[in-house]
Protein backbone atom coordinates (compact mmCIF):
# COMPACT_ATOMS: atom_id res chain seq x y z
CA UNK A 1 92.04 -169.91 -106.22
CA UNK A 2 88.62 -170.38 -107.83
CA UNK A 3 90.03 -172.86 -110.32
CA UNK A 4 91.64 -175.02 -107.55
CA UNK A 5 88.38 -175.06 -105.57
CA UNK A 6 86.46 -176.04 -108.69
CA UNK A 7 88.83 -178.92 -109.33
CA UNK A 8 88.63 -180.18 -105.74
CA UNK A 9 84.85 -180.10 -105.76
CA UNK A 10 84.67 -181.38 -109.31
CA UNK A 11 82.44 -178.47 -110.32
CA UNK A 12 82.18 -177.99 -114.08
CA UNK A 13 83.68 -174.69 -115.13
CA UNK A 14 81.00 -174.33 -117.75
CA UNK A 15 78.25 -173.60 -115.15
CA UNK A 16 76.75 -170.13 -115.38
CA UNK A 17 78.19 -167.67 -112.83
CA UNK A 18 74.95 -167.34 -110.82
CA UNK A 19 74.51 -171.08 -110.39
CA UNK A 20 78.18 -171.43 -109.42
CA UNK A 21 77.76 -168.78 -106.73
CA UNK A 22 74.64 -170.48 -105.34
CA UNK A 23 76.41 -173.84 -105.27
CA UNK A 24 79.42 -172.36 -103.45
CA UNK A 25 77.14 -170.65 -100.89
CA UNK A 26 75.33 -173.94 -100.27
CA UNK A 27 78.64 -175.77 -99.69
CA UNK A 28 79.86 -173.06 -97.33
CA UNK A 29 76.58 -173.12 -95.38
CA UNK A 30 76.85 -176.89 -95.04
CA UNK A 31 80.42 -176.62 -93.73
CA UNK A 32 79.41 -173.89 -91.30
CA UNK A 33 76.51 -175.96 -89.88
CA UNK A 34 78.75 -179.00 -89.58
CA UNK A 35 81.36 -177.05 -87.62
CA UNK A 36 78.66 -175.45 -85.38
CA UNK A 37 77.11 -178.77 -84.30
CA UNK A 38 80.51 -180.37 -83.80
CA UNK A 39 81.56 -177.52 -81.49
CA UNK A 40 78.26 -177.61 -79.56
CA UNK A 41 78.97 -181.14 -78.29
CA UNK A 42 82.51 -180.41 -77.10
CA UNK A 43 81.56 -177.04 -75.62
CA UNK A 44 78.82 -178.64 -73.56
CA UNK A 45 81.43 -180.99 -72.06
CA UNK A 46 83.69 -178.05 -71.26
CA UNK A 47 80.82 -176.13 -69.67
CA UNK A 48 79.93 -179.11 -67.51
CA UNK A 49 83.55 -179.41 -66.36
CA UNK A 50 83.54 -175.76 -65.35
CA UNK A 51 80.56 -176.12 -62.97
CA UNK A 52 80.46 -178.37 -59.89
CA UNK A 53 77.98 -181.17 -59.81
CA UNK A 54 74.87 -180.81 -57.71
CA UNK A 55 75.72 -182.18 -54.26
CA UNK A 56 74.27 -185.51 -53.38
CA UNK A 57 71.50 -185.67 -50.87
CA UNK A 58 72.84 -186.72 -47.47
CA UNK A 59 72.43 -190.34 -46.59
CA UNK A 60 70.39 -191.56 -43.66
CA UNK A 61 72.47 -191.98 -40.48
CA UNK A 62 73.83 -195.38 -39.51
CA UNK A 63 71.34 -197.76 -38.01
CA UNK A 64 71.70 -198.96 -34.44
CA UNK A 65 71.92 -202.65 -33.52
CA UNK A 66 68.58 -204.35 -33.34
CA UNK A 67 66.77 -201.74 -35.45
CA UNK A 68 65.36 -202.33 -38.97
CA UNK A 69 68.27 -202.64 -41.37
CA UNK A 70 66.44 -201.49 -44.50
CA UNK A 71 67.20 -197.97 -45.74
CA UNK A 72 64.99 -195.78 -47.92
CA UNK A 73 67.02 -193.92 -50.58
CA UNK A 74 66.24 -190.33 -51.49
CA UNK A 75 65.00 -189.68 -54.99
CA UNK A 76 67.31 -188.07 -57.52
CA UNK A 77 65.27 -184.87 -57.24
CA UNK A 78 66.44 -184.52 -53.65
CA UNK A 79 62.91 -184.96 -52.27
CA UNK A 80 62.28 -187.54 -49.58
CA UNK A 81 59.85 -190.28 -50.49
CA UNK A 82 56.85 -190.74 -48.23
CA UNK A 83 58.26 -192.45 -45.09
CA UNK A 84 57.17 -195.97 -44.39
CA UNK A 85 56.03 -196.80 -40.81
CA UNK A 86 59.38 -198.34 -39.81
CA UNK A 87 61.21 -195.28 -41.19
CA UNK A 88 58.97 -192.99 -39.13
CA UNK A 89 59.90 -195.04 -36.06
CA UNK A 90 63.57 -194.66 -36.93
CA UNK A 91 63.15 -190.91 -37.26
CA UNK A 92 61.52 -190.77 -33.84
CA UNK A 93 64.24 -192.84 -32.18
CA UNK A 94 66.95 -190.75 -33.73
CA UNK A 95 65.99 -187.92 -31.35
CA UNK A 96 66.14 -190.16 -28.29
CA UNK A 97 69.60 -190.70 -26.90
CA UNK A 98 71.03 -192.87 -24.17
CA UNK A 99 71.80 -190.73 -21.10
CA UNK A 100 75.13 -188.96 -20.97
CA UNK A 101 74.73 -188.41 -17.21
CA UNK A 102 73.02 -190.46 -14.49
CA UNK A 103 72.18 -189.65 -10.87
CA UNK A 104 73.06 -193.03 -9.36
CA UNK A 105 72.37 -192.41 -5.68
CA UNK A 106 71.69 -192.39 -2.89
CA UNK A 107 68.20 -193.15 -1.68
CA UNK A 108 66.83 -190.42 0.64
CA UNK A 109 69.86 -188.29 -0.10
CA UNK A 110 68.14 -185.58 -2.15
CA UNK A 111 68.19 -187.08 -5.65
CA UNK A 112 64.64 -186.01 -6.51
CA UNK A 113 65.34 -182.43 -5.49
CA UNK A 114 68.52 -182.36 -7.58
CA UNK A 115 66.77 -183.74 -10.64
CA UNK A 116 63.88 -181.25 -10.37
CA UNK A 117 66.32 -178.37 -9.97
CA UNK A 118 68.37 -179.51 -12.98
CA UNK A 119 65.33 -179.77 -15.21
CA UNK A 120 65.01 -175.98 -15.04
CA UNK A 121 68.12 -175.78 -17.24
CA UNK A 122 67.19 -175.49 -20.95
CA UNK A 123 69.99 -177.87 -21.96
CA UNK A 124 68.93 -180.70 -19.64
CA UNK A 125 66.21 -183.22 -20.47
CA UNK A 126 65.48 -185.96 -17.97
CA UNK A 127 63.15 -188.87 -17.38
CA UNK A 128 60.69 -188.11 -14.58
CA UNK A 129 60.18 -191.65 -13.29
CA UNK A 130 63.05 -193.87 -12.18
CA UNK A 131 63.79 -196.35 -15.01
CA UNK A 132 65.59 -198.92 -12.78
CA UNK A 133 67.19 -200.24 -15.95
CA UNK A 134 70.62 -201.22 -14.62
CA UNK A 135 69.23 -203.01 -11.57
CA UNK A 136 65.78 -204.43 -12.41
CA UNK A 137 65.14 -204.18 -16.17
CA UNK A 138 68.52 -204.85 -17.76
CA UNK A 139 67.26 -207.86 -19.69
CA UNK A 140 64.94 -205.57 -21.67
CA UNK A 141 67.92 -204.20 -23.59
CA UNK A 142 69.32 -200.78 -24.47
CA UNK A 143 66.70 -200.11 -27.16
CA UNK A 144 63.96 -200.35 -24.51
CA UNK A 145 65.98 -198.12 -22.17
CA UNK A 146 66.59 -195.49 -24.82
CA UNK A 147 62.93 -195.42 -25.75
CA UNK A 148 62.18 -194.21 -22.21
CA UNK A 149 64.35 -191.15 -22.72
CA UNK A 150 62.94 -187.77 -23.74
CA UNK A 151 63.60 -186.36 -27.20
CA UNK A 152 66.55 -184.00 -27.26
CA UNK A 153 68.09 -181.48 -29.60
CA UNK A 154 71.76 -181.62 -30.52
CA UNK A 155 73.80 -180.27 -27.61
CA UNK A 156 71.25 -181.05 -24.90
CA UNK A 157 72.04 -183.55 -22.14
CA UNK A 158 69.84 -186.58 -21.51
CA UNK A 159 69.65 -187.65 -17.87
CA UNK A 160 67.93 -190.08 -15.56
CA UNK A 161 68.08 -190.86 -11.86
CA UNK A 162 67.73 -194.17 -10.05
CA UNK A 163 69.23 -194.00 -6.52
CA UNK A 164 69.42 -197.76 -6.08
CA UNK A 165 72.15 -198.02 -8.74
CA UNK A 166 74.79 -196.93 -6.22
CA UNK A 167 74.27 -200.05 -4.09
CA UNK A 168 73.68 -202.47 -6.99
CA UNK A 169 76.77 -204.59 -7.53
CA UNK A 170 76.18 -205.12 -11.27
CA UNK A 171 75.34 -201.50 -12.10
CA UNK A 172 78.89 -200.12 -12.60
CA UNK A 173 79.87 -202.77 -15.16
CA UNK A 174 76.55 -202.40 -17.00
CA UNK A 175 76.75 -198.61 -17.24
CA UNK A 176 80.39 -198.84 -18.33
CA UNK A 177 79.35 -201.31 -21.03
CA UNK A 178 76.79 -198.79 -22.31
CA UNK A 179 79.31 -195.91 -22.30
CA UNK A 180 82.58 -195.54 -20.44
CA UNK A 181 82.18 -191.77 -20.71
CA UNK A 182 78.91 -191.57 -18.76
CA UNK A 183 79.05 -188.89 -16.07
CA UNK A 184 77.84 -190.07 -12.67
CA UNK A 185 76.34 -188.01 -9.85
CA UNK A 186 75.94 -189.24 -6.26
CA UNK A 187 73.95 -187.20 -3.74
CA UNK A 188 75.15 -188.18 -0.28
CA UNK A 189 73.82 -187.27 3.14
CA UNK A 190 74.76 -187.90 6.76
CA UNK A 191 74.28 -191.70 6.86
CA UNK A 192 72.56 -191.60 10.27
CA UNK A 193 70.02 -188.98 9.16
CA UNK A 194 69.62 -190.83 5.87
CA UNK A 195 68.85 -194.12 7.67
CA UNK A 196 66.19 -192.43 9.84
CA UNK A 197 64.66 -190.82 6.74
CA UNK A 198 64.65 -194.20 4.99
CA UNK A 199 62.89 -195.76 7.98
CA UNK A 200 60.36 -192.88 8.08
CA UNK A 201 59.42 -193.51 4.46
CA UNK A 202 58.89 -197.23 5.12
CA UNK A 203 56.90 -196.46 8.26
CA UNK A 204 54.50 -194.26 6.26
CA UNK A 205 53.69 -197.28 4.07
CA UNK A 206 53.84 -199.98 6.76
CA UNK A 207 52.81 -198.54 10.14
CA UNK A 208 53.14 -201.92 11.87
CA UNK A 209 56.90 -202.42 11.23
CA UNK A 210 59.24 -202.81 14.25
CA UNK A 211 60.86 -199.75 15.83
CA UNK A 212 63.95 -198.15 14.36
CA UNK A 213 65.92 -199.13 17.44
CA UNK A 214 65.06 -202.82 17.17
CA UNK A 215 65.93 -202.94 13.48
CA UNK A 216 69.27 -201.20 13.98
CA UNK A 217 70.84 -203.90 16.17
CA UNK A 218 71.35 -207.59 15.76
CA UNK A 219 71.68 -207.62 19.52
CA UNK A 220 71.05 -204.37 21.38
CA UNK A 221 72.73 -205.67 24.53
CA UNK A 222 76.04 -206.17 22.73
CA UNK A 223 75.48 -203.13 20.51
CA UNK A 224 76.19 -205.08 17.30
CA UNK A 225 74.82 -203.12 14.32
CA UNK A 226 72.76 -205.09 11.79
CA UNK A 227 74.46 -204.19 8.50
CA UNK A 228 72.10 -206.49 6.59
CA UNK A 229 69.29 -203.97 7.09
CA UNK A 230 69.23 -201.88 3.91
CA UNK A 231 68.67 -198.62 5.81
CA UNK A 232 72.03 -199.15 7.52
CA UNK A 233 73.85 -200.81 4.63
CA UNK A 234 73.23 -198.01 2.10
CA UNK A 235 75.07 -195.51 4.30
CA UNK A 236 78.41 -197.37 4.12
CA UNK A 237 79.34 -195.16 1.15
CA UNK A 238 83.03 -196.09 1.00
CA UNK A 239 82.22 -199.75 0.48
CA UNK A 240 79.90 -199.07 -2.45
CA UNK A 241 82.23 -196.52 -4.01
CA UNK A 242 85.04 -199.09 -4.19
CA UNK A 243 82.91 -201.11 -6.59
CA UNK A 244 82.34 -198.08 -8.85
CA UNK A 245 86.03 -197.19 -8.95
CA UNK A 246 86.73 -200.53 -10.60
CA UNK A 247 85.00 -199.18 -13.72
CA UNK A 248 85.06 -195.37 -13.53
CA UNK A 249 87.79 -192.88 -12.54
CA UNK A 250 87.00 -190.75 -9.49
CA UNK A 251 87.02 -187.62 -11.67
CA UNK A 252 84.02 -188.93 -13.59
CA UNK A 253 81.89 -189.05 -10.44
CA UNK A 254 80.50 -185.91 -8.79
CA UNK A 255 79.53 -186.09 -5.12
CA UNK A 256 76.79 -183.65 -4.13
CA UNK A 257 76.15 -182.83 -0.49
CA UNK A 258 72.53 -183.42 0.45
CA UNK A 259 72.92 -180.95 3.32
CA UNK A 260 74.32 -178.18 1.11
CA UNK A 261 71.60 -178.88 -1.44
CA UNK A 262 69.23 -177.57 1.25
CA UNK A 263 71.37 -174.80 2.75
CA UNK A 264 72.88 -173.55 -0.54
CA UNK A 265 71.04 -175.05 -3.53
CA UNK A 266 72.44 -172.54 -6.03
CA UNK A 267 76.00 -173.27 -4.92
CA UNK A 268 75.62 -177.03 -5.32
CA UNK A 269 73.81 -176.58 -8.63
CA UNK A 270 76.71 -174.44 -9.81
CA UNK A 271 79.09 -177.35 -9.18
CA UNK A 272 76.74 -179.74 -10.99
CA UNK A 273 76.40 -177.45 -14.02
CA UNK A 274 80.19 -177.12 -14.22
CA UNK A 275 80.59 -180.89 -13.99
CA UNK A 276 78.11 -181.42 -16.84
CA UNK A 277 79.76 -178.75 -19.00
CA UNK A 278 76.70 -176.53 -18.87
CA UNK A 279 76.45 -172.75 -18.67
CA UNK A 280 75.59 -171.61 -15.12
CA UNK A 281 71.97 -170.67 -15.70
CA UNK A 282 70.42 -172.00 -12.46
CA UNK A 283 71.25 -169.44 -9.74
CA UNK A 284 69.86 -168.01 -6.48
CA UNK A 285 67.07 -166.29 -8.37
CA UNK A 286 65.47 -169.69 -9.08
CA UNK A 287 64.92 -170.63 -5.40
CA UNK A 288 63.00 -169.60 -2.33
CA UNK A 289 63.03 -171.27 1.09
CA UNK A 290 59.77 -172.91 2.14
CA UNK A 291 59.56 -172.74 5.96
CA UNK A 292 56.73 -175.29 6.11
CA UNK A 293 58.67 -177.86 4.11
CA UNK A 294 62.01 -176.94 5.60
CA UNK A 295 63.86 -176.94 2.29
CA UNK A 296 64.22 -174.78 -0.84
CA UNK A 297 61.65 -174.81 -3.62
CA UNK A 298 61.70 -173.59 -7.20
CA UNK A 299 60.16 -170.23 -8.02
CA UNK A 300 59.37 -171.55 -11.48
CA UNK A 301 59.38 -175.22 -12.38
CA UNK A 302 60.13 -176.60 -15.83
CA UNK A 303 57.33 -175.69 -18.23
CA UNK A 304 55.42 -173.67 -15.62
CA UNK A 305 55.29 -170.11 -14.35
CA UNK A 306 54.15 -171.21 -10.88
CA UNK A 307 56.31 -171.97 -7.81
CA UNK A 308 57.01 -175.66 -7.29
CA UNK A 309 57.87 -177.66 -4.19
CA UNK A 310 58.43 -181.39 -3.94
CA UNK A 311 55.40 -183.47 -2.97
CA UNK A 312 54.12 -184.45 0.46
CA UNK A 313 56.33 -187.56 0.43
CA UNK A 314 59.34 -185.27 0.82
CA UNK A 315 60.21 -183.56 4.07
CA UNK A 316 58.30 -185.92 6.37
CA UNK A 317 58.71 -185.37 10.10
CA UNK A 318 61.09 -187.97 11.53
CA UNK A 319 60.06 -190.01 14.56
CA UNK A 320 61.92 -189.49 17.82
CA UNK A 321 64.84 -191.90 17.99
CA UNK A 322 66.67 -192.87 21.18
CA UNK A 323 69.76 -190.64 21.27
CA UNK A 324 71.89 -193.49 22.55
CA UNK A 325 71.06 -195.42 19.37
CA UNK A 326 71.86 -192.38 17.28
CA UNK A 327 75.27 -192.06 18.97
CA UNK A 328 76.02 -195.75 18.47
CA UNK A 329 75.27 -195.34 14.78
CA UNK A 330 77.54 -192.30 14.57
CA UNK A 331 80.36 -194.31 16.12
CA UNK A 332 79.69 -197.15 13.69
CA UNK A 333 79.74 -194.93 10.60
CA UNK A 334 82.73 -192.75 11.60
CA UNK A 335 85.54 -194.92 10.15
CA UNK A 336 83.57 -195.47 6.94
CA UNK A 337 82.94 -191.72 6.68
CA UNK A 338 86.64 -190.96 7.14
CA UNK A 339 87.54 -193.37 4.36
CA UNK A 340 84.87 -191.86 2.13
CA UNK A 341 86.28 -188.38 2.71
CA UNK A 342 89.73 -189.61 1.68
CA UNK A 343 88.43 -191.36 -1.43
CA UNK A 344 86.45 -188.35 -2.65
CA UNK A 345 88.74 -185.58 -1.41
CA UNK A 346 85.76 -183.93 0.29
CA UNK A 347 84.89 -183.48 3.95
CA UNK A 348 81.11 -183.56 4.28
CA UNK A 349 81.18 -182.66 7.98
CA UNK A 350 79.05 -185.51 9.28
CA UNK A 351 81.03 -185.79 12.49
């Protein structure tokens, strides 16, 4: 064995035994080191294959139309770079969402009360002022509209209310264009009472306007109702609803009774919470009846521990109206009311 190894390595046999041993040890050490470093490279590859790679940092969400298109990549360390001003704006907008539900009407029906009651719910965030986007400010664009919305967490509902949408011819198509899944809420009230309330509000701002009776008729002698007067025209609910049904199924519209919102606010709010897919949190314990105002108020408003009633512009005393005029209006509205009951599947009891 030793002789064959000597021949292969060309080691002279004449070397002294000690030197031969040292030479053989050196060769063996060299071979051992060579094998060790060769194995280290392949073993590192095997070790890497046995462990999953570090997950990539999540990418920024898709940008919306009209927003800055430039993205800022995360560093390989997984740490965000210092946001640039336009990125900070993007982060802010990402928490503002277009409304998933809108109270679209009707004026003087109880929309403000409904909105204030709903804002007690922790999963509802709503704009306080009326945006009037789909009737007056549509040319400003959806980015402007969304910027009006409050910031929301995932799972919360963004809402707004503008009662004039219900009677705006273009509003249904515009809202459908924004989102066909938008949930719509209409607060309706006895159209005769609503018209008188509408007139009362105008009278408080313009004391010199003509009487309610004179505005109601084109010709009082013939008894022809003036349907061009907005106070009368708004109450023809069936006519306006036909326009909405061209773009939204009836099941996507909830009709809230303005009368029951006063007599049983918790009951109506229960229906609204169900419609919005919310847990029934707003109950009887949230309300008390204010005898001075003549309608229910909140025991605790949103963000406050104090009772809250709607302002002095709500619950105004109506002027005395000639009962003959009131009856003529009831006769005028009756066929429209009957049709509205059929369309909605609800009898609001206005007759």
